[in-house]
Amino acid sequence: MMKRNVLILAVLVALLFVGCKQEKPKQEAAYTDYELAMTNQDTVAVTQLVNQFFDYLEHDRLSDAVAMLYKINEENPLDEPQLLDNSQIASVTNAYRMLMPIRSHKIDYIKFNQAYDNEVKVTVIMEEAHDGEPAMTTVMYFKAYDYLAEWRLCTMNSFDGSRRIISNEQADSMQQRYSEELEQKSAK
């Protein structure tokens, strides 16, 4: 009887380990209802907004670029985004001034999630590659805010409580997906 109980227990433990070690298929994150409602016009509008911002920076029009930026009320993100106040303008201007000159940029991806919670990742080239040296780059994140069907470019500052939507682990796949979508749209 004792041997039989030990044998049954051993079989149950073995089944438990086998069941735990089976890999479960990874599920793609479900799209939000908001994301499903997005159209090409939304992607184009956000792309144009980001490109305009960087066009100003690339042509040494720092004050024009900073004037495009809004701030989200992190306590109530549904409130209308506000233009930066004077101290925020000074802070952002000083931060961007350290990156100047900016030679070019590339939008890595746009991730739509909610009207107030969309993420744009941009690789910024401050010095082109030359003489075997790689390009000097940095990455910037913005929040694109859809307020009453008008897109606004908002700052993303972790000190103010801003959080990214896409984790570092998901970023590469998101960039790949965004590149594939652009290729498909270009082919049409």
C-alpha atoms as a PDB file:
ATOM      1  CA  MET A   1       0.000   0.000   0.000  1.00  0.00           C
ATOM      2  CA  MET A   2       2.829   2.377   0.928  1.00  0.00           C
ATOM      3  CA  LYS A   3       4.677   1.629  -2.332  1.00  0.00           C
ATOM      4  CA  ARG A   4       1.490   2.221  -4.284  1.00  0.00           C
ATOM      5  CA  ASN A   5       0.946   5.656  -2.643  1.00  0.00           C
ATOM      6  CA  VAL A   6       4.562   6.625  -3.291  1.00  0.00           C
ATOM      7  CA  LEU A   7       4.220   5.521  -6.920  1.00  0.00           C
ATOM      8  CA  ILE A   8       0.996   7.539  -7.369  1.00  0.00           C
ATOM      9  CA  LEU A   9       2.614  10.554  -5.735  1.00  0.00           C
ATOM     10  CA  ALA A  10       5.667  10.254  -8.013  1.00  0.00           C
ATOM     11  CA  VAL A  11       3.457  10.069 -11.105  1.00  0.00           C
ATOM     12  CA  LEU A  12       1.472  13.140  -9.991  1.00  0.00           C
ATOM     13  CA  VAL A  13       4.660  15.120  -9.330  1.00  0.00           C
ATOM     14  CA  ALA A  14       6.043  14.096 -12.741  1.00  0.00           C
ATOM     15  CA  LEU A  15       2.818  15.199 -14.456  1.00  0.00           C
ATOM     16  CA  LEU A  16       2.928  18.473 -12.579  1.00  0.00           C
ATOM     17  CA  PHE A  17       6.470  19.199 -13.798  1.00  0.00           C
ATOM     18  CA  VAL A  18       5.618  18.232 -17.371  1.00  0.00           C
ATOM     19  CA  GLY A  19       2.533  20.464 -17.281  1.00  0.00           C
ATOM     20  CA  CYS A  20       4.547  23.414 -15.917  1.00  0.00           C
ATOM     21  CA  LYS A  21       7.316  23.087 -18.485  1.00  0.00           C
ATOM     22  CA  GLN A  22       5.063  23.135 -21.517  1.00  0.00           C
ATOM     23  CA  GLU A  23       5.459  26.445 -23.217  1.00  0.00           C
ATOM     24  CA  LYS A  24       2.261  28.317 -23.731  1.00  0.00           C
ATOM     25  CA  PRO A  25       1.968  30.055 -27.079  1.00  0.00           C
ATOM     26  CA  LYS A  26       2.654  33.769 -26.888  1.00  0.00           C
ATOM     27  CA  GLN A  27      -0.414  35.831 -27.527  1.00  0.00           C
ATOM     28  CA  GLU A  28      -0.267  39.094 -29.381  1.00  0.00           C
ATOM     29  CA  ALA A  29      -1.462  41.980 -27.285  1.00  0.00           C
ATOM     30  CA  ALA A  30      -5.049  42.764 -28.179  1.00  0.00           C
ATOM     31  CA  TYR A  31      -5.666  46.049 -29.904  1.00  0.00           C
ATOM     32  CA  THR A  32      -7.616  48.661 -28.004  1.00  0.00           C
ATOM     33  CA  ASP A  33     -10.943  49.846 -29.445  1.00  0.00           C
ATOM     34  CA  TYR A  34      -9.322  53.223 -29.989  1.00  0.00           C
ATOM     35  CA  GLU A  35      -6.436  51.662 -31.901  1.00  0.00           C
ATOM     36  CA  LEU A  36      -8.833  49.702 -34.106  1.00  0.00           C
ATOM     37  CA  ALA A  37     -10.578  52.968 -35.009  1.00  0.00           C
ATOM     38  CA  MET A  38      -7.347  54.578 -36.282  1.00  0.00           C
ATOM     39  CA  THR A  39      -7.025  55.245 -40.002  1.00  0.00           C
ATOM     40  CA  ASN A  40      -4.235  56.110 -42.392  1.00  0.00           C
ATOM     41  CA  GLN A  41      -5.114  59.781 -41.903  1.00  0.00           C
ATOM     42  CA  ASP A  42      -4.197  59.508 -38.216  1.00  0.00           C
ATOM     43  CA  THR A  43      -0.823  57.977 -39.020  1.00  0.00           C
ATOM     44  CA  VAL A  44      -0.206  60.631 -41.668  1.00  0.00           C
ATOM     45  CA  ALA A  45      -1.227  63.455 -39.311  1.00  0.00           C
ATOM     46  CA  VAL A  46       1.080  62.271 -36.521  1.00  0.00           C
ATOM     47  CA  THR A  47       3.919  61.679 -38.985  1.00  0.00           C
ATOM     48  CA  GLN A  48       3.524  65.196 -40.398  1.00  0.00           C
ATOM     49  CA  LEU A  49       3.457  66.679 -36.898  1.00  0.00           C
ATOM     50  CA  VAL A  50       6.683  64.902 -35.902  1.00  0.00           C
ATOM     51  CA  ASN A  51       8.351  65.719 -39.224  1.00  0.00           C
ATOM     52  CA  GLN A  52       7.434  69.407 -38.864  1.00  0.00           C
ATOM     53  CA  PHE A  53       8.891  69.453 -35.347  1.00  0.00           C
ATOM     54  CA  PHE A  54      12.173  67.950 -36.528  1.00  0.00           C
ATOM     55  CA  ASP A  55      12.241  70.081 -39.672  1.00  0.00           C
ATOM     56  CA  TYR A  56      12.337  73.106 -37.367  1.00  0.00           C
ATOM     57  CA  LEU A  57      15.155  71.557 -35.323  1.00  0.00           C
ATOM     58  CA  GLU A  58      17.117  70.525 -38.411  1.00  0.00           C
ATOM     59  CA  HIS A  59      16.938  74.110 -39.679  1.00  0.00           C
ATOM     60  CA  ASP A  60      18.027  75.694 -36.379  1.00  0.00           C
ATOM     61  CA  ARG A  61      14.537  76.944 -35.538  1.00  0.00           C
ATOM     62  CA  LEU A  62      14.565  75.660 -31.972  1.00  0.00           C
ATOM     63  CA  SER A  63      12.011  78.150 -30.641  1.00  0.00           C
ATOM     64  CA  ASP A  64       9.516  77.202 -33.383  1.00  0.00           C
ATOM     65  CA  ALA A  65       9.951  73.511 -32.550  1.00  0.00           C
ATOM     66  CA  VAL A  66       9.498  74.011 -28.811  1.00  0.00           C
ATOM     67  CA  ALA A  67       6.416  76.161 -29.458  1.00  0.00           C
ATOM     68  CA  MET A  68       4.767  73.056 -30.970  1.00  0.00           C
ATOM     69  CA  LEU A  69       5.010  71.055 -27.734  1.00  0.00           C
ATOM     70  CA  TYR A  70       2.187  70.490 -25.289  1.00  0.00           C
ATOM     71  CA  LYS A  71       2.018  69.076 -21.780  1.00  0.00           C
ATOM     72  CA  ILE A  72      -0.508  66.484 -20.623  1.00  0.00           C
ATOM     73  CA  ASN A  73      -2.082  66.843 -17.197  1.00  0.00           C
ATOM     74  CA  GLU A  74      -0.918  63.515 -15.733  1.00  0.00           C
ATOM     75  CA  GLU A  75      -3.506  63.732 -12.933  1.00  0.00           C
ATOM     76  CA  ASN A  76      -6.336  63.974 -15.442  1.00  0.00           C
ATOM     77  CA  PRO A  77      -5.075  63.029 -18.907  1.00  0.00           C
ATOM     78  CA  LEU A  78      -8.476  63.696 -20.468  1.00  0.00           C
ATOM     79  CA  ASP A  79      -8.044  67.434 -19.850  1.00  0.00           C
ATOM     80  CA  GLU A  80      -7.030  69.498 -22.847  1.00  0.00           C
ATOM     81  CA  PRO A  81      -3.246  69.438 -23.304  1.00  0.00           C
ATOM     82  CA  GLN A  82      -1.651  72.791 -22.484  1.00  0.00           C
ATOM     83  CA  LEU A  83       1.174  74.603 -24.187  1.00  0.00           C
ATOM     84  CA  LEU A  84       4.352  74.615 -22.115  1.00  0.00           C
ATOM     85  CA  ASP A  85       4.708  77.449 -19.610  1.00  0.00           C
ATOM     86  CA  ASN A  86       7.787  79.715 -19.607  1.00  0.00           C
ATOM     87  CA  SER A  87       9.865  77.585 -17.211  1.00  0.00           C
ATOM     88  CA  GLN A  88       9.029  74.408 -19.155  1.00  0.00           C
ATOM     89  CA  ILE A  89       9.921  76.151 -22.428  1.00  0.00           C
ATOM     90  CA  ALA A  90      13.271  77.202 -20.957  1.00  0.00           C
ATOM     91  CA  SER A  91      13.958  73.692 -19.668  1.00  0.00           C
ATOM     92  CA  VAL A  92      13.048  71.973 -22.945  1.00  0.00           C
ATOM     93  CA  THR A  93      14.950  74.569 -24.988  1.00  0.00           C
ATOM     94  CA  ASN A  94      18.101  74.008 -22.914  1.00  0.00           C
ATOM     95  CA  ALA A  95      17.764  70.232 -23.269  1.00  0.00           C
ATOM     96  CA  TYR A  96      17.396  70.417 -27.058  1.00  0.00           C
ATOM     97  CA  ARG A  97      20.142  73.011 -27.378  1.00  0.00           C
ATOM     98  CA  MET A  98      22.603  70.407 -26.029  1.00  0.00           C
ATOM     99  CA  LEU A  99      21.643  68.074 -28.898  1.00  0.00           C
ATOM    100  CA  MET A 100      22.074  70.648 -31.631  1.00  0.00           C
ATOM    101  CA  PRO A 101      22.792  70.510 -34.439  1.00  0.00           C
ATOM    102  CA  ILE A 102      20.316  67.828 -35.430  1.00  0.00           C
ATOM    103  CA  ARG A 103      21.047  66.551 -38.928  1.00  0.00           C
ATOM    104  CA  SER A 104      18.093  64.243 -39.524  1.00  0.00           C
ATOM    105  CA  HIS A 105      15.589  61.937 -37.884  1.00  0.00           C
ATOM    106  CA  LYS A 106      13.693  58.711 -38.474  1.00  0.00           C
ATOM    107  CA  ILE A 107      10.375  57.739 -36.937  1.00  0.00           C
ATOM    108  CA  ASP A 108      10.910  54.242 -35.578  1.00  0.00           C
ATOM    109  CA  TYR A 109       7.274  53.646 -34.760  1.00  0.00           C
ATOM    110  CA  ILE A 110       3.949  55.168 -33.795  1.00  0.00           C
ATOM    111  CA  LYS A 111       1.895  53.140 -31.323  1.00  0.00           C
ATOM    112  CA  PHE A 112      -1.731  54.146 -30.928  1.00  0.00           C
ATOM    113  CA  ASN A 113      -3.383  53.165 -27.652  1.00  0.00           C
ATOM    114  CA  GLN A 114      -5.837  55.817 -26.372  1.00  0.00           C
ATOM    115  CA  ALA A 115      -6.590  59.401 -27.389  1.00  0.00           C
ATOM    116  CA  TYR A 116      -4.274  60.674 -24.654  1.00  0.00           C
ATOM    117  CA  ASP A 117      -1.797  57.791 -24.603  1.00  0.00           C
ATOM    118  CA  ASN A 118       0.018  57.246 -27.906  1.00  0.00           C
ATOM    119  CA  GLU A 119       3.740  56.812 -28.310  1.00  0.00           C
ATOM    120  CA  VAL A 120       6.120  57.986 -31.016  1.00  0.00           C
ATOM    121  CA  LYS A 121       9.732  56.813 -30.993  1.00  0.00           C
ATOM    122  CA  VAL A 122      12.188  58.839 -33.063  1.00  0.00           C
ATOM    123  CA  THR A 123      15.876  58.187 -33.710  1.00  0.00           C
ATOM    124  CA  VAL A 124      17.701  61.503 -34.011  1.00  0.00           C
ATOM    125  CA  ILE A 125      20.970  61.807 -35.934  1.00  0.00           C
ATOM    126  CA  MET A 126      23.217  64.532 -34.576  1.00  0.00           C
ATOM    127  CA  GLU A 127      26.276  63.588 -36.625  1.00  0.00           C
ATOM    128  CA  GLU A 128      26.235  61.446 -39.761  1.00  0.00           C
ATOM    129  CA  ALA A 129      28.553  58.446 -40.029  1.00  0.00           C
ATOM    130  CA  HIS A 130      31.905  59.310 -41.592  1.00  0.00           C
ATOM    131  CA  ASP A 131      35.461  57.959 -41.904  1.00  0.00           C
ATOM    132  CA  GLY A 132      34.454  54.582 -40.489  1.00  0.00           C
ATOM    133  CA  GLU A 133      32.845  56.167 -37.435  1.00  0.00           C
ATOM    134  CA  PRO A 134      29.208  55.352 -36.708  1.00  0.00           C
ATOM    135  CA  ALA A 135      26.563  58.032 -36.670  1.00  0.00           C
ATOM    136  CA  MET A 136      26.009  59.863 -33.382  1.00  0.00           C
ATOM    137  CA  THR A 137      22.367  59.259 -32.496  1.00  0.00           C
ATOM    138  CA  THR A 138      19.909  59.503 -29.658  1.00  0.00           C
ATOM    139  CA  VAL A 139      16.317  58.401 -29.207  1.00  0.00           C
ATOM    140  CA  MET A 140      13.382  60.620 -28.277  1.00  0.00           C
ATOM    141  CA  TYR A 141       9.863  59.690 -27.271  1.00  0.00           C
ATOM    142  CA  PHE A 142       6.761  61.811 -27.644  1.00  0.00           C
ATOM    143  CA  LYS A 143       3.114  61.408 -26.838  1.00  0.00           C
ATOM    144  CA  ALA A 144       0.765  62.139 -29.690  1.00  0.00           C
ATOM    145  CA  TYR A 145      -2.540  63.363 -28.268  1.00  0.00           C
ATOM    146  CA  ASP A 146      -5.795  63.246 -30.220  1.00  0.00           C
ATOM    147  CA  TYR A 147      -7.788  66.086 -28.690  1.00  0.00           C
ATOM    148  CA  LEU A 148     -11.119  66.684 -30.412  1.00  0.00           C
ATOM    149  CA  ALA A 149      -9.798  65.212 -33.679  1.00  0.00           C
ATOM    150  CA  GLU A 150      -6.743  67.499 -33.658  1.00  0.00           C
ATOM    151  CA  TRP A 151      -3.359  65.878 -33.094  1.00  0.00           C
ATOM    152  CA  ARG A 152      -0.920  67.541 -30.698  1.00  0.00           C
ATOM    153  CA  LEU A 153       2.667  66.631 -29.934  1.00  0.00           C
ATOM    154  CA  CYS A 154       3.225  66.283 -26.200  1.00  0.00           C
ATOM    155  CA  THR A 155       6.392  65.999 -24.182  1.00  0.00           C
ATOM    156  CA  MET A 156       7.234  62.736 -22.521  1.00  0.00           C
ATOM    157  CA  ASN A 157       9.044  63.207 -19.233  1.00  0.00           C
ATOM    158  CA  SER A 158       9.460  60.386 -16.724  1.00  0.00           C
ATOM    159  CA  PHE A 159      10.001  62.957 -13.965  1.00  0.00           C
ATOM    160  CA  ASP A 160       6.416  64.106 -14.503  1.00  0.00           C
ATOM    161  CA  GLY A 161       5.027  60.585 -14.425  1.00  0.00           C
ATOM    162  CA  SER A 162       5.003  59.893 -18.169  1.00  0.00           C
ATOM    163  CA  ARG A 163       5.362  56.220 -18.972  1.00  0.00           C
ATOM    164  CA  ARG A 164       6.041  54.487 -22.254  1.00  0.00           C
ATOM    165  CA  ILE A 165       3.430  52.179 -23.733  1.00  0.00           C
ATOM    166  CA  ILE A 166       5.923  49.869 -25.421  1.00  0.00           C
ATOM    167  CA  SER A 167       8.410  48.023 -23.220  1.00  0.00           C
ATOM    168  CA  ASN A 168      12.053  47.768 -24.255  1.00  0.00           C
ATOM    169  CA  GLU A 169      11.493  44.077 -25.029  1.00  0.00           C
ATOM    170  CA  GLN A 170       8.674  44.914 -27.472  1.00  0.00           C
ATOM    171  CA  ALA A 171      10.378  47.888 -29.141  1.00  0.00           C
ATOM    172  CA  ASP A 172      12.250  45.927 -31.822  1.00  0.00           C
ATOM    173  CA  SER A 173       9.163  44.038 -32.925  1.00  0.00           C
ATOM    174  CA  MET A 174       7.195  47.297 -32.940  1.00  0.00           C
ATOM    175  CA  GLN A 175       9.810  48.958 -35.158  1.00  0.00           C
ATOM    176  CA  GLN A 176       9.720  45.955 -37.508  1.00  0.00           C
ATOM    177  CA  ARG A 177       5.921  46.037 -37.669  1.00  0.00           C
ATOM    178  CA  TYR A 178       5.899  49.790 -38.322  1.00  0.00           C
ATOM    179  CA  SER A 179       8.500  49.414 -41.117  1.00  0.00           C
ATOM    180  CA  GLU A 180       6.486  46.616 -42.723  1.00  0.00           C
ATOM    181  CA  GLU A 181       3.297  48.715 -42.571  1.00  0.00           C
ATOM    182  CA  LEU A 182       5.074  51.645 -44.260  1.00  0.00           C
ATOM    183  CA  GLU A 183       6.421  49.340 -46.988  1.00  0.00           C
ATOM    184  CA  GLN A 184       2.956  47.911 -47.619  1.00  0.00           C
ATOM    185  CA  LYS A 185       1.423  51.382 -47.811  1.00  0.00           C
ATOM    186  CA  SER A 186       4.167  52.546 -50.199  1.00  0.00           C
ATOM    187  CA  ALA A 187       3.579  49.554 -52.471  1.00  0.00           C
ATOM    188  CA  LYS A 188      -0.107  50.441 -52.938  1.00  0.00           C
END
